[in-house]
């Protein structure tokens, strides 16, 4: 049992590294389904580096479905979307704000 727990911990610890490995690529990596939340863009404020999203439950933040404003960790993310777009995104809580860290449109 102890060996299984160690293997699981090691595998989970390496998962973020595998995801981050694509960050230098010119092609943006797809948002992993396990950490992704579906949503719809309601407002994009490039000057303030913020986006308003009507979203489903954000499991990693323990947040229920709602409409809220997020900071864009990378303001270039806001160039990818417009009001009304259906999206899949990831968000994290850091430095006192909840920031969108990845975003992609869904067809």
PDB file of N, CA and C in Angstrom:
ATOM      1  N   UNK A   1       0.826  -1.195   0.000  1.00  0.00           N
ATOM      2  CA  UNK A   1       0.000   0.000   0.000  1.00  0.00           C
ATOM      3  C   UNK A   1       0.874   1.264   0.000  1.00  0.00           C
ATOM      4  N   UNK A   2       1.954   1.231   0.795  1.00  0.00           N
ATOM      5  CA  UNK A   2       2.829   2.391   0.870  1.00  0.00           C
ATOM      6  C   UNK A   2       3.467   2.676  -0.489  1.00  0.00           C
ATOM      7  N   UNK A   3       3.875   1.628  -1.192  1.00  0.00           N
ATOM      8  CA  UNK A   3       4.482   1.799  -2.511  1.00  0.00           C
ATOM      9  C   UNK A   3       3.480   2.381  -3.502  1.00  0.00           C
ATOM     10  N   UNK A   4       2.230   1.936  -3.428  1.00  0.00           N
ATOM     11  CA  UNK A   4       1.187   2.458  -4.310  1.00  0.00           C
ATOM     12  C   UNK A   4       0.971   3.942  -4.057  1.00  0.00           C
ATOM     13  N   UNK A   5       0.926   4.325  -2.796  1.00  0.00           N
ATOM     14  CA  UNK A   5       0.738   5.734  -2.447  1.00  0.00           C
ATOM     15  C   UNK A   5       1.898   6.577  -2.957  1.00  0.00           C
ATOM     16  N   UNK A   6       3.117   6.064  -2.849  1.00  0.00           N
ATOM     17  CA  UNK A   6       4.285   6.803  -3.338  1.00  0.00           C
ATOM     18  C   UNK A   6       4.257   6.945  -4.849  1.00  0.00           C
ATOM     19  N   UNK A   7       3.874   5.864  -5.556  1.00  0.00           N
ATOM     20  CA  UNK A   7       3.786   5.943  -7.013  1.00  0.00           C
ATOM     21  C   UNK A   7       2.728   6.940  -7.446  1.00  0.00           C
ATOM     22  N   UNK A   8       1.585   6.934  -6.777  1.00  0.00           N
ATOM     23  CA  UNK A   8       0.518   7.874  -7.102  1.00  0.00           C
ATOM     24  C   UNK A   8       0.976   9.313  -6.848  1.00  0.00           C
ATOM     25  N   UNK A   9       1.617   9.537  -5.730  1.00  0.00           N
ATOM     26  CA  UNK A   9       2.109  10.882  -5.411  1.00  0.00           C
ATOM     27  C   UNK A   9       3.127  11.350  -6.450  1.00  0.00           C
ATOM     28  N   UNK A  10       4.005  10.444  -6.863  1.00  0.00           N
ATOM     29  CA  UNK A  10       5.004  10.805  -7.865  1.00  0.00           C
ATOM     30  C   UNK A  10       4.340  11.123  -9.201  1.00  0.00           C
ATOM     31  N   UNK A  11       3.364  10.322  -9.593  1.00  0.00           N
ATOM     32  CA  UNK A  11       2.674  10.553 -10.865  1.00  0.00           C
ATOM     33  C   UNK A  11       1.924  11.876 -10.846  1.00  0.00           C
ATOM     34  N   UNK A  12       1.239  12.167  -9.761  1.00  0.00           N
ATOM     35  CA  UNK A  12       0.495  13.421  -9.667  1.00  0.00           C
ATOM     36  C   UNK A  12       1.435  14.615  -9.610  1.00  0.00           C
ATOM     37  N   UNK A  13       2.562  14.436  -8.990  1.00  0.00           N
ATOM     38  CA  UNK A  13       3.533  15.524  -8.906  1.00  0.00           C
ATOM     39  C   UNK A  13       4.139  15.870 -10.247  1.00  0.00           C
ATOM     40  N   UNK A  14       4.222  14.918 -11.155  1.00  0.00           N
ATOM     41  CA  UNK A  14       4.809  15.149 -12.475  1.00  0.00           C
ATOM     42  C   UNK A  14       3.802  15.664 -13.485  1.00  0.00           C
ATOM     43  N   UNK A  15       2.522  15.509 -13.217  1.00  0.00           N
ATOM     44  CA  UNK A  15       1.501  15.927 -14.179  1.00  0.00           C
ATOM     45  C   UNK A  15       1.617  17.403 -14.551  1.00  0.00           C
ATOM     46  N   UNK A  16       1.809  18.328 -13.599  1.00  0.00           N
ATOM     47  CA  UNK A  16       1.940  19.737 -14.002  1.00  0.00           C
ATOM     48  C   UNK A  16       3.154  19.991 -14.885  1.00  0.00           C
ATOM     49  N   UNK A  17       4.225  19.215 -14.700  1.00  0.00           N
ATOM     50  CA  UNK A  17       5.410  19.389 -15.529  1.00  0.00           C
ATOM     51  C   UNK A  17       5.119  19.011 -16.970  1.00  0.00           C
ATOM     52  N   UNK A  18       4.361  17.967 -17.166  1.00  0.00           N
ATOM     53  CA  UNK A  18       4.014  17.555 -18.523  1.00  0.00           C
ATOM     54  C   UNK A  18       3.161  18.617 -19.198  1.00  0.00           C
ATOM     55  N   UNK A  19       2.273  19.230 -18.459  1.00  0.00           N
ATOM     56  CA  UNK A  19       1.412  20.271 -19.005  1.00  0.00           C
ATOM     57  C   UNK A  19       2.224  21.523 -19.313  1.00  0.00           C
ATOM     58  N   UNK A  20       3.153  21.873 -18.432  1.00  0.00           N
ATOM     59  CA  UNK A  20       3.940  23.089 -18.605  1.00  0.00           C
ATOM     60  C   UNK A  20       4.977  22.951 -19.704  1.00  0.00           C
ATOM     61  N   UNK A  21       5.321  21.742 -20.060  1.00  0.00           N
ATOM     62  CA  UNK A  21       6.375  21.537 -21.062  1.00  0.00           C
ATOM     63  C   UNK A  21       6.031  22.167 -22.402  1.00  0.00           C
ATOM     64  N   UNK A  22       4.754  22.335 -22.709  1.00  0.00           N
ATOM     65  CA  UNK A  22       4.351  22.894 -23.989  1.00  0.00           C
ATOM     66  C   UNK A  22       4.301  24.425 -23.965  1.00  0.00           C
ATOM     67  N   UNK A  23       4.615  25.051 -22.839  1.00  0.00           N
ATOM     68  CA  UNK A  23       4.436  26.491 -22.717  1.00  0.00           C
ATOM     69  C   UNK A  23       5.352  27.295 -23.633  1.00  0.00           C
ATOM     70  N   UNK A  24       6.463  26.716 -24.095  1.00  0.00           N
ATOM     71  CA  UNK A  24       7.360  27.429 -24.990  1.00  0.00           C
ATOM     72  C   UNK A  24       6.974  27.276 -26.457  1.00  0.00           C
ATOM     73  N   UNK A  25       6.047  26.421 -26.730  1.00  0.00           N
ATOM     74  CA  UNK A  25       5.623  26.145 -28.101  1.00  0.00           C
ATOM     75  C   UNK A  25       4.869  27.339 -28.675  1.00  0.00           C
ATOM     76  N   UNK A  26       4.957  27.526 -29.976  1.00  0.00           N
ATOM     77  CA  UNK A  26       4.213  28.595 -30.633  1.00  0.00           C
ATOM     78  C   UNK A  26       2.728  28.265 -30.730  1.00  0.00           C
ATOM     79  N   UNK A  27       2.384  26.978 -30.698  1.00  0.00           N
ATOM     80  CA  UNK A  27       0.996  26.543 -30.744  1.00  0.00           C
ATOM     81  C   UNK A  27       0.503  26.352 -29.320  1.00  0.00           C
ATOM     82  N   UNK A  28      -0.576  27.050 -28.916  1.00  0.00           N
ATOM     83  CA  UNK A  28      -1.044  26.903 -27.542  1.00  0.00           C
ATOM     84  C   UNK A  28      -1.542  25.491 -27.287  1.00  0.00           C
ATOM     85  N   UNK A  29      -1.219  24.993 -26.097  1.00  0.00           N
ATOM     86  CA  UNK A  29      -1.677  23.661 -25.713  1.00  0.00           C
ATOM     87  C   UNK A  29      -3.165  23.714 -25.390  1.00  0.00           C
ATOM     88  N   UNK A  30      -3.845  22.635 -25.659  1.00  0.00           N
ATOM     89  CA  UNK A  30      -5.260  22.546 -25.315  1.00  0.00           C
ATOM     90  C   UNK A  30      -5.394  22.512 -23.801  1.00  0.00           C
ATOM     91  N   UNK A  31      -6.481  23.054 -23.320  1.00  0.00           N
ATOM     92  CA  UNK A  31      -6.748  23.035 -21.887  1.00  0.00           C
ATOM     93  C   UNK A  31      -7.115  21.611 -21.504  1.00  0.00           C
ATOM     94  N   UNK A  32      -6.405  20.997 -20.541  1.00  0.00           N
ATOM     95  CA  UNK A  32      -6.717  19.623 -20.173  1.00  0.00           C
ATOM     96  C   UNK A  32      -8.145  19.508 -19.634  1.00  0.00           C
ATOM     97  N   UNK A  33      -8.855  18.495 -20.078  1.00  0.00           N
ATOM     98  CA  UNK A  33     -10.255  18.321 -19.696  1.00  0.00           C
ATOM     99  C   UNK A  33     -10.427  18.190 -18.192  1.00  0.00           C
ATOM    100  N   UNK A  34      -9.473  17.563 -17.505  1.00  0.00           N
ATOM    101  CA  UNK A  34      -9.608  17.337 -16.067  1.00  0.00           C
ATOM    102  C   UNK A  34      -9.646  18.637 -15.276  1.00  0.00           C
ATOM    103  N   UNK A  35      -8.956  19.682 -15.736  1.00  0.00           N
ATOM    104  CA  UNK A  35      -8.916  20.935 -14.988  1.00  0.00           C
ATOM    105  C   UNK A  35      -9.722  22.038 -15.676  1.00  0.00           C
ATOM    106  N   UNK A  36     -10.362  21.702 -16.776  1.00  0.00           N
ATOM    107  CA  UNK A  36     -11.060  22.710 -17.569  1.00  0.00           C
ATOM    108  C   UNK A  36     -12.483  22.923 -17.086  1.00  0.00           C
ATOM    109  N   UNK A  37     -12.957  24.125 -17.311  1.00  0.00           N
ATOM    110  CA  UNK A  37     -14.327  24.494 -17.012  1.00  0.00           C
ATOM    111  C   UNK A  37     -14.927  25.083 -18.278  1.00  0.00           C
ATOM    112  N   UNK A  38     -16.150  24.708 -18.558  1.00  0.00           N
ATOM    113  CA  UNK A  38     -16.866  25.249 -19.714  1.00  0.00           C
ATOM    114  C   UNK A  38     -17.451  26.603 -19.320  1.00  0.00           C
ATOM    115  N   UNK A  39     -17.544  27.506 -20.289  1.00  0.00           N
ATOM    116  CA  UNK A  39     -18.120  28.811 -20.000  1.00  0.00           C
ATOM    117  C   UNK A  39     -18.485  29.560 -21.264  1.00  0.00           C
ATOM    118  N   UNK A  40     -19.000  30.766 -21.054  1.00  0.00           N
ATOM    119  CA  UNK A  40     -19.337  31.661 -22.157  1.00  0.00           C
ATOM    120  C   UNK A  40     -18.830  33.050 -21.814  1.00  0.00           C
ATOM    121  N   UNK A  41     -18.138  33.670 -22.757  1.00  0.00           N
ATOM    122  CA  UNK A  41     -17.587  35.007 -22.548  1.00  0.00           C
ATOM    123  C   UNK A  41     -18.734  36.018 -22.548  1.00  0.00           C
ATOM    124  N   UNK A  42     -18.817  36.820 -21.496  1.00  0.00           N
ATOM    125  CA  UNK A  42     -19.839  37.851 -21.385  1.00  0.00           C
ATOM    126  C   UNK A  42     -19.285  39.246 -21.635  1.00  0.00           C
ATOM    127  N   UNK A  43     -18.007  39.458 -21.302  1.00  0.00           N
ATOM    128  CA  UNK A  43     -17.381  40.767 -21.493  1.00  0.00           C
ATOM    129  C   UNK A  43     -15.870  40.580 -21.531  1.00  0.00           C
ATOM    130  N   UNK A  44     -15.196  41.365 -22.371  1.00  0.00           N
ATOM    131  CA  UNK A  44     -13.737  41.373 -22.440  1.00  0.00           C
ATOM    132  C   UNK A  44     -13.294  42.819 -22.244  1.00  0.00           C
ATOM    133  N   UNK A  45     -12.472  43.064 -21.228  1.00  0.00           N
ATOM    134  CA  UNK A  45     -11.956  44.404 -20.941  1.00  0.00           C
ATOM    135  C   UNK A  45     -10.428  44.337 -21.038  1.00  0.00           C
ATOM    136  N   UNK A  46      -9.918  44.576 -22.240  1.00  0.00           N
ATOM    137  CA  UNK A  46      -8.478  44.457 -22.476  1.00  0.00           C
ATOM    138  C   UNK A  46      -7.691  45.503 -21.690  1.00  0.00           C
ATOM    139  N   UNK A  47      -8.245  46.698 -21.531  1.00  0.00           N
ATOM    140  CA  UNK A  47      -7.536  47.747 -20.794  1.00  0.00           C
ATOM    141  C   UNK A  47      -7.297  47.343 -19.337  1.00  0.00           C
ATOM    142  N   UNK A  48      -8.302  46.726 -18.720  1.00  0.00           N
ATOM    143  CA  UNK A  48      -8.191  46.298 -17.324  1.00  0.00           C
ATOM    144  C   UNK A  48      -7.624  44.885 -17.192  1.00  0.00           C
ATOM    145  N   UNK A  49      -7.395  44.202 -18.335  1.00  0.00           N
ATOM    146  CA  UNK A  49      -6.890  42.823 -18.355  1.00  0.00           C
ATOM    147  C   UNK A  49      -7.845  41.878 -17.625  1.00  0.00           C
ATOM    148  N   UNK A  50      -9.166  42.059 -17.886  1.00  0.00           N
ATOM    149  CA  UNK A  50     -10.181  41.253 -17.211  1.00  0.00           C
ATOM    150  C   UNK A  50     -11.166  40.679 -18.222  1.00  0.00           C
ATOM    151  N   UNK A  51     -11.773  39.556 -17.826  1.00  0.00           N
ATOM    152  CA  UNK A  51     -12.772  38.896 -18.650  1.00  0.00           C
ATOM    153  C   UNK A  51     -13.914  38.430 -17.740  1.00  0.00           C
ATOM    154  N   UNK A  52     -15.137  38.652 -18.196  1.00  0.00           N
ATOM    155  CA  UNK A  52     -16.304  38.182 -17.466  1.00  0.00           C
ATOM    156  C   UNK A  52     -16.789  36.913 -18.151  1.00  0.00           C
ATOM    157  N   UNK A  53     -16.933  35.854 -17.347  1.00  0.00           N
ATOM    158  CA  UNK A  53     -17.318  34.546 -17.882  1.00  0.00           C
ATOM    159  C   UNK A  53     -18.492  33.988 -17.081  1.00  0.00           C
ATOM    160  N   UNK A  54     -19.508  33.512 -17.822  1.00  0.00           N
ATOM    161  CA  UNK A  54     -20.570  32.709 -17.197  1.00  0.00           C
ATOM    162  C   UNK A  54     -20.054  31.282 -17.286  1.00  0.00           C
ATOM    163  N   UNK A  55     -19.844  30.648 -16.133  1.00  0.00           N
ATOM    164  CA  UNK A  55     -19.152  29.359 -16.129  1.00  0.00           C
ATOM    165  C   UNK A  55     -19.857  28.305 -15.293  1.00  0.00           C
ATOM    166  N   UNK A  56     -19.478  27.065 -15.563  1.00  0.00           N
ATOM    167  CA  UNK A  56     -19.915  25.942 -14.747  1.00  0.00           C
ATOM    168  C   UNK A  56     -19.059  25.879 -13.491  1.00  0.00           C
ATOM    169  N   UNK A  57     -19.237  24.816 -12.736  1.00  0.00           N
ATOM    170  CA  UNK A  57     -18.474  24.626 -11.506  1.00  0.00           C
ATOM    171  C   UNK A  57     -16.972  24.599 -11.807  1.00  0.00           C
ATOM    172  N   UNK A  58     -16.197  25.311 -10.987  1.00  0.00           N
ATOM    173  CA  UNK A  58     -14.740  25.269 -11.089  1.00  0.00           C
ATOM    174  C   UNK A  58     -14.268  24.400  -9.926  1.00  0.00           C
ATOM    175  N   UNK A  59     -14.028  23.146 -10.239  1.00  0.00           N
ATOM    176  CA  UNK A  59     -13.742  22.142  -9.215  1.00  0.00           C
ATOM    177  C   UNK A  59     -12.496  22.473  -8.409  1.00  0.00           C
ATOM    178  N   UNK A  60     -11.402  22.838  -9.075  1.00  0.00           N
ATOM    179  CA  UNK A  60     -10.151  23.083  -8.349  1.00  0.00           C
ATOM    180  C   UNK A  60     -10.223  24.286  -7.409  1.00  0.00           C
ATOM    181  N   UNK A  61     -11.209  25.143  -7.594  1.00  0.00           N
ATOM    182  CA  UNK A  61     -11.381  26.296  -6.700  1.00  0.00           C
ATOM    183  C   UNK A  61     -12.558  26.107  -5.747  1.00  0.00           C
ATOM    184  N   UNK A  62     -13.283  24.997  -5.888  1.00  0.00           N
ATOM    185  CA  UNK A  62     -14.454  24.763  -5.046  1.00  0.00           C
ATOM    186  C   UNK A  62     -15.527  25.816  -5.272  1.00  0.00           C
ATOM    187  N   UNK A  63     -15.690  26.238  -6.514  1.00  0.00           N
ATOM    188  CA  UNK A  63     -16.590  27.338  -6.845  1.00  0.00           C
ATOM    189  C   UNK A  63     -17.785  26.825  -7.654  1.00  0.00           C
ATOM    190  N   UNK A  64     -19.002  27.190  -7.255  1.00  0.00           N
ATOM    191  CA  UNK A  64     -20.174  26.766  -8.021  1.00  0.00           C
ATOM    192  C   UNK A  64     -20.304  27.559  -9.320  1.00  0.00           C
ATOM    193  N   UNK A  65     -21.210  27.120 -10.159  1.00  0.00           N
ATOM    194  CA  UNK A  65     -21.489  27.823 -11.410  1.00  0.00           C
ATOM    195  C   UNK A  65     -21.993  29.231 -11.104  1.00  0.00           C
ATOM    196  N   UNK A  66     -21.541  30.200 -11.902  1.00  0.00           N
ATOM    197  CA  UNK A  66     -21.948  31.596 -11.727  1.00  0.00           C
ATOM    198  C   UNK A  66     -21.375  32.427 -12.867  1.00  0.00           C
ATOM    199  N   UNK A  67     -21.632  33.712 -12.841  1.00  0.00           N
ATOM    200  CA  UNK A  67     -20.991  34.657 -13.753  1.00  0.00           C
ATOM    201  C   UNK A  67     -20.079  35.524 -12.903  1.00  0.00           C
ATOM    202  N   UNK A  68     -18.817  35.640 -13.317  1.00  0.00           N
ATOM    203  CA  UNK A  68     -17.884  36.453 -12.539  1.00  0.00           C
ATOM    204  C   UNK A  68     -16.774  37.015 -13.418  1.00  0.00           C
ATOM    205  N   UNK A  69     -16.059  37.966 -12.855  1.00  0.00           N
ATOM    206  CA  UNK A  69     -14.942  38.625 -13.533  1.00  0.00           C
ATOM    207  C   UNK A  69     -13.649  37.954 -13.080  1.00  0.00           C
ATOM    208  N   UNK A  70     -12.798  37.649 -14.045  1.00  0.00           N
ATOM    209  CA  UNK A  70     -11.485  37.067 -13.783  1.00  0.00           C
ATOM    210  C   UNK A  70     -10.418  38.002 -14.325  1.00  0.00           C
ATOM    211  N   UNK A  71      -9.261  37.973 -13.704  1.00  0.00           N
ATOM    212  CA  UNK A  71      -8.078  38.635 -14.237  1.00  0.00           C
ATOM    213  C   UNK A  71      -7.469  37.665 -15.250  1.00  0.00           C
ATOM    214  N   UNK A  72      -6.915  38.179 -16.329  1.00  0.00           N
ATOM    215  CA  UNK A  72      -6.196  37.340 -17.294  1.00  0.00           C
ATOM    216  C   UNK A  72      -4.735  37.326 -16.885  1.00  0.00           C
ATOM    217  N   UNK A  73      -4.220  36.158 -16.509  1.00  0.00           N
ATOM    218  CA  UNK A  73      -2.809  36.085 -16.109  1.00  0.00           C
ATOM    219  C   UNK A  73      -1.924  36.598 -17.231  1.00  0.00           C
ATOM    220  N   UNK A  74      -2.242  36.219 -18.465  1.00  0.00           N
ATOM    221  CA  UNK A  74      -1.528  36.713 -19.640  1.00  0.00           C
ATOM    222  C   UNK A  74      -2.543  37.510 -20.463  1.00  0.00           C
ATOM    223  N   UNK A  75      -2.395  38.828 -20.566  1.00  0.00           N
ATOM    224  CA  UNK A  75      -3.362  39.635 -21.307  1.00  0.00           C
ATOM    225  C   UNK A  75      -3.567  39.185 -22.755  1.00  0.00           C
ATOM    226  N   UNK A  76      -2.603  38.490 -23.346  1.00  0.00           N
ATOM    227  CA  UNK A  76      -2.751  37.986 -24.715  1.00  0.00           C
ATOM    228  C   UNK A  76      -3.886  36.965 -24.816  1.00  0.00           C
ATOM    229  N   UNK A  77      -4.262  36.342 -23.708  1.00  0.00           N
ATOM    230  CA  UNK A  77      -5.388  35.407 -23.711  1.00  0.00           C
ATOM    231  C   UNK A  77      -6.667  36.091 -24.182  1.00  0.00           C
ATOM    232  N   UNK A  78      -6.792  37.373 -23.879  1.00  0.00           N
ATOM    233  CA  UNK A  78      -8.007  38.110 -24.222  1.00  0.00           C
ATOM    234  C   UNK A  78      -8.139  38.364 -25.718  1.00  0.00           C
ATOM    235  N   UNK A  79      -7.027  38.263 -26.438  1.00  0.00           N
ATOM    236  CA  UNK A  79      -7.059  38.441 -27.895  1.00  0.00           C
ATOM    237  C   UNK A  79      -7.680  37.243 -28.598  1.00  0.00           C
ATOM    238  N   UNK A  80      -7.796  36.120 -27.908  1.00  0.00           N
ATOM    239  CA  UNK A  80      -8.302  34.881 -28.496  1.00  0.00           C
ATOM    240  C   UNK A  80      -9.824  34.782 -28.489  1.00  0.00           C
ATOM    241  N   UNK A  81     -10.494  35.640 -27.721  1.00  0.00           N
ATOM    242  CA  UNK A  81     -11.938  35.467 -27.521  1.00  0.00           C
ATOM    243  C   UNK A  81     -12.702  36.765 -27.736  1.00  0.00           C
ATOM    244  N   UNK A  82     -14.022  36.591 -27.931  1.00  0.00           N
ATOM    245  CA  UNK A  82     -14.915  37.754 -28.029  1.00  0.00           C
ATOM    246  C   UNK A  82     -16.208  37.408 -27.293  1.00  0.00           C
ATOM    247  N   UNK A  83     -17.006  38.409 -27.014  1.00  0.00           N
ATOM    248  CA  UNK A  83     -18.276  38.221 -26.322  1.00  0.00           C
ATOM    249  C   UNK A  83     -19.126  37.204 -27.073  1.00  0.00           C
ATOM    250  N   UNK A  84     -19.683  36.269 -26.330  1.00  0.00           N
ATOM    251  CA  UNK A  84     -20.542  35.238 -26.900  1.00  0.00           C
ATOM    252  C   UNK A  84     -19.835  33.931 -27.198  1.00  0.00           C
ATOM    253  N   UNK A  85     -18.482  33.934 -27.207  1.00  0.00           N
ATOM    254  CA  UNK A  85     -17.740  32.706 -27.482  1.00  0.00           C
ATOM    255  C   UNK A  85     -17.977  31.673 -26.389  1.00  0.00           C
ATOM    256  N   UNK A  86     -18.164  30.430 -26.795  1.00  0.00           N
ATOM    257  CA  UNK A  86     -18.186  29.303 -25.870  1.00  0.00           C
ATOM    258  C   UNK A  86     -16.725  28.916 -25.682  1.00  0.00           C
ATOM    259  N   UNK A  87     -16.328  28.727 -24.427  1.00  0.00           N
ATOM    260  CA  UNK A  87     -14.919  28.485 -24.131  1.00  0.00           C
ATOM    261  C   UNK A  87     -14.732  27.329 -23.149  1.00  0.00           C
ATOM    262  N   UNK A  88     -13.503  26.875 -23.078  1.00  0.00           N
ATOM    263  CA  UNK A  88     -13.020  25.962 -22.046  1.00  0.00           C
ATOM    264  C   UNK A  88     -11.811  26.680 -21.462  1.00  0.00           C
ATOM    265  N   UNK A  89     -11.761  26.791 -20.128  1.00  0.00           N
ATOM    266  CA  UNK A  89     -10.679  27.550 -19.518  1.00  0.00           C
ATOM    267  C   UNK A  89     -10.242  26.930 -18.201  1.00  0.00           C
ATOM    268  N   UNK A  90      -9.080  27.358 -17.746  1.00  0.00           N
ATOM    269  CA  UNK A  90      -8.563  26.985 -16.436  1.00  0.00           C
ATOM    270  C   UNK A  90      -8.324  28.263 -15.653  1.00  0.00           C
ATOM    271  N   UNK A  91      -8.554  28.180 -14.346  1.00  0.00           N
ATOM    272  CA  UNK A  91      -8.341  29.334 -13.478  1.00  0.00           C
ATOM    273  C   UNK A  91      -7.675  28.882 -12.189  1.00  0.00           C
ATOM    274  N   UNK A  92      -6.915  29.793 -11.593  1.00  0.00           N
ATOM    275  CA  UNK A  92      -6.217  29.534 -10.337  1.00  0.00           C
ATOM    276  C   UNK A  92      -6.363  30.739  -9.424  1.00  0.00           C
ATOM    277  N   UNK A  93      -6.268  30.482  -8.128  1.00  0.00           N
ATOM    278  CA  UNK A  93      -6.258  31.552  -7.140  1.00  0.00           C
ATOM    279  C   UNK A  93      -4.802  31.809  -6.770  1.00  0.00           C
ATOM    280  N   UNK A  94      -4.341  33.040  -6.957  1.00  0.00           N
ATOM    281  CA  UNK A  94      -2.962  33.396  -6.632  1.00  0.00           C
ATOM    282  C   UNK A  94      -2.881  34.886  -6.342  1.00  0.00           C
ATOM    283  N   UNK A  95      -2.100  35.230  -5.360  1.00  0.00           N
ATOM    284  CA  UNK A  95      -1.859  36.628  -5.008  1.00  0.00           C
ATOM    285  C   UNK A  95      -3.156  37.400  -4.782  1.00  0.00           C
ATOM    286  N   UNK A  96      -4.124  36.748  -4.164  1.00  0.00           N
ATOM    287  CA  UNK A  96      -5.366  37.413  -3.798  1.00  0.00           C
ATOM    288  C   UNK A  96      -6.384  37.594  -4.911  1.00  0.00           C
ATOM    289  N   UNK A  97      -6.112  37.045  -6.104  1.00  0.00           N
ATOM    290  CA  UNK A  97      -7.068  37.154  -7.209  1.00  0.00           C
ATOM    291  C   UNK A  97      -7.279  35.780  -7.837  1.00  0.00           C
ATOM    292  N   UNK A  98      -8.374  35.658  -8.553  1.00  0.00           N
ATOM    293  CA  UNK A  98      -8.623  34.448  -9.333  1.00  0.00           C
ATOM    294  C   UNK A  98      -8.338  34.815 -10.779  1.00  0.00           C
ATOM    295  N   UNK A  99      -7.379  34.106 -11.358  1.00  0.00           N
ATOM    296  CA  UNK A  99      -6.918  34.442 -12.705  1.00  0.00           C
ATOM    297  C   UNK A  99      -7.163  33.293 -13.673  1.00  0.00           C
ATOM    298  N   UNK A 100      -7.562  33.654 -14.897  1.00  0.00           N
ATOM    299  CA  UNK A 100      -7.648  32.696 -15.988  1.00  0.00           C
ATOM    300  C   UNK A 100      -6.213  32.451 -16.446  1.00  0.00           C
ATOM    301  N   UNK A 101      -5.848  31.167 -16.522  1.00  0.00           N
ATOM    302  CA  UNK A 101      -4.492  30.804 -16.895  1.00  0.00           C
ATOM    303  C   UNK A 101      -4.413  30.195 -18.289  1.00  0.00           C
ATOM    304  N   UNK A 102      -5.492  29.628 -18.760  1.00  0.00           N
ATOM    305  CA  UNK A 102      -5.578  29.036 -20.108  1.00  0.00           C
ATOM    306  C   UNK A 102      -6.987  29.248 -20.611  1.00  0.00           C
ATOM    307  N   UNK A 103      -7.107  29.398 -21.929  1.00  0.00           N
ATOM    308  CA  UNK A 103      -8.432  29.590 -22.516  1.00  0.00           C
ATOM    309  C   UNK A 103      -8.411  29.110 -23.973  1.00  0.00           C
ATOM    310  N   UNK A 104      -9.486  28.482 -24.380  1.00  0.00           N
ATOM    311  CA  UNK A 104      -9.639  28.085 -25.792  1.00  0.00           C
ATOM    312  C   UNK A 104     -11.115  28.141 -26.137  1.00  0.00           C
ATOM    313  N   UNK A 105     -11.381  28.474 -27.377  1.00  0.00           N
ATOM    314  CA  UNK A 105     -12.769  28.489 -27.833  1.00  0.00           C
ATOM    315  C   UNK A 105     -13.203  27.062 -28.143  1.00  0.00           C
ATOM    316  N   UNK A 106     -14.507  26.826 -27.999  1.00  0.00           N
ATOM    317  CA  UNK A 106     -15.089  25.517 -28.256  1.00  0.00           C
ATOM    318  C   UNK A 106     -16.061  25.681 -29.403  1.00  0.00           C
ATOM    319  N   UNK A 107     -15.989  24.792 -30.369  1.00  0.00           N
ATOM    320  CA  UNK A 107     -16.880  24.869 -31.538  1.00  0.00           C
ATOM    321  C   UNK A 107     -18.187  24.185 -31.240  1.00  0.00           C
TER     322      UNK A 107
END
